[in-house]
Amino acid sequence: MLQIPFSFVLSAFSFKMYIIKVKGVAKIPDYVQLRDDQFTLLAYFRVDRPDKSLDKVGLGNKTEQIMNIIKDLPFGQILKLEL
């Protein structure tokens, strides 16, 4: 069976995903979840450290764009994003 890297799939097609910003409590920092259109978790990272997680799912070239959206997103709100 042929396996296609996930990052290739992301770059080849328009991709819908959901962004959720989760508020941390006490010593637990704020996190961001990226989910696909089936609501499967794609990435989970600290708001201040997105680089490795976004690179792993093939969105490293869109880090600045995604972080600008996350910066203005209220905690707990789900935002649908098409890249």
Protein backbone atom coordinates (compact mmCIF):
# COMPACT_ATOMS: atom_id res chain seq x y z
CA MET A 1 0.00 0.00 0.00
CA LEU A 2 1.31 3.44 -0.94
CA GLN A 3 1.61 5.86 1.95
CA ILE A 4 1.56 9.56 1.16
CA PRO A 5 3.11 11.93 3.72
CA PHE A 6 0.53 14.10 5.44
CA SER A 7 2.48 17.27 4.63
CA PHE A 8 2.21 16.45 0.92
CA VAL A 9 -1.56 16.10 1.22
CA LEU A 10 -1.77 19.50 2.92
CA SER A 11 0.26 21.22 0.24
CA ALA A 12 -1.59 19.59 -2.66
CA PHE A 13 -5.14 20.52 -1.66
CA SER A 14 -7.11 23.30 -0.04
CA PHE A 15 -7.35 22.30 3.58
CA LYS A 16 -10.10 23.01 6.11
CA MET A 17 -9.24 22.98 9.77
CA TYR A 18 -10.48 24.24 13.09
CA ILE A 19 -8.46 26.22 15.62
CA ILE A 20 -9.27 26.13 19.33
CA LYS A 21 -7.36 28.19 21.89
CA VAL A 22 -7.43 26.62 25.36
CA LYS A 23 -6.80 28.71 28.49
CA GLY A 24 -4.29 27.21 30.89
CA VAL A 25 -4.70 27.30 34.66
CA ALA A 26 -2.08 27.82 37.39
CA LYS A 27 1.16 26.28 36.07
CA ILE A 28 -0.42 24.82 32.91
CA PRO A 29 0.20 27.17 29.95
CA ASP A 30 -2.25 28.21 27.22
CA TYR A 31 -2.50 25.73 24.36
CA VAL A 32 -3.83 25.63 20.79
CA GLN A 33 -5.52 22.68 19.11
CA LEU A 34 -5.65 22.30 15.33
CA ARG A 35 -8.27 19.85 14.10
CA ASP A 36 -9.27 18.69 10.63
CA ASP A 37 -12.76 18.69 9.12
CA GLN A 38 -13.45 15.31 10.80
CA PHE A 39 -12.39 17.03 14.08
CA THR A 40 -9.36 14.75 14.43
CA LEU A 41 -6.53 16.35 16.38
CA LEU A 42 -3.73 17.42 14.00
CA ALA A 43 -1.56 19.47 16.33
CA TYR A 44 -1.52 20.52 19.97
CA PHE A 45 1.01 23.12 21.03
CA ARG A 46 1.74 25.91 23.48
CA VAL A 47 0.77 29.34 22.21
CA ASP A 48 4.36 30.53 22.63
CA ARG A 49 5.97 27.48 20.89
CA PRO A 50 4.15 26.57 17.65
CA ASP A 51 7.13 25.87 15.38
CA LYS A 52 7.78 22.12 15.66
CA SER A 53 4.11 21.13 15.79
CA LEU A 54 3.19 23.16 12.72
CA ASP A 55 6.22 21.80 10.83
CA LYS A 56 5.18 18.21 11.62
CA VAL A 57 1.77 18.68 9.98
CA GLY A 58 3.17 20.57 7.00
CA LEU A 59 2.06 24.06 8.05
CA GLY A 60 5.48 25.47 8.89
CA ASN A 61 5.28 27.93 6.00
CA LYS A 62 1.99 29.31 7.40
CA THR A 63 3.16 29.77 11.00
CA GLU A 64 3.00 33.57 10.95
CA GLN A 65 -0.49 33.59 9.37
CA ILE A 66 -1.84 31.03 11.86
CA MET A 67 -0.28 32.77 14.88
CA ASN A 68 -1.80 36.12 13.88
CA ILE A 69 -5.22 34.46 13.85
CA ILE A 70 -4.58 32.73 17.18
CA LYS A 71 -3.43 35.99 18.81
CA ASP A 72 -6.87 37.57 18.24
CA LEU A 73 -8.92 34.42 18.92
CA PRO A 74 -10.76 34.38 22.29
CA PHE A 75 -10.17 31.38 24.54
CA GLY A 76 -12.64 28.53 24.06
CA GLN A 77 -13.91 29.70 20.68
CA ILE A 78 -13.70 27.39 17.65
CA LEU A 79 -12.66 29.04 14.39
CA LYS A 80 -12.99 27.35 11.01
CA LEU A 81 -10.04 28.13 8.77
CA GLU A 82 -9.44 27.24 5.13
CA LEU A 83 -5.85 27.21 3.93
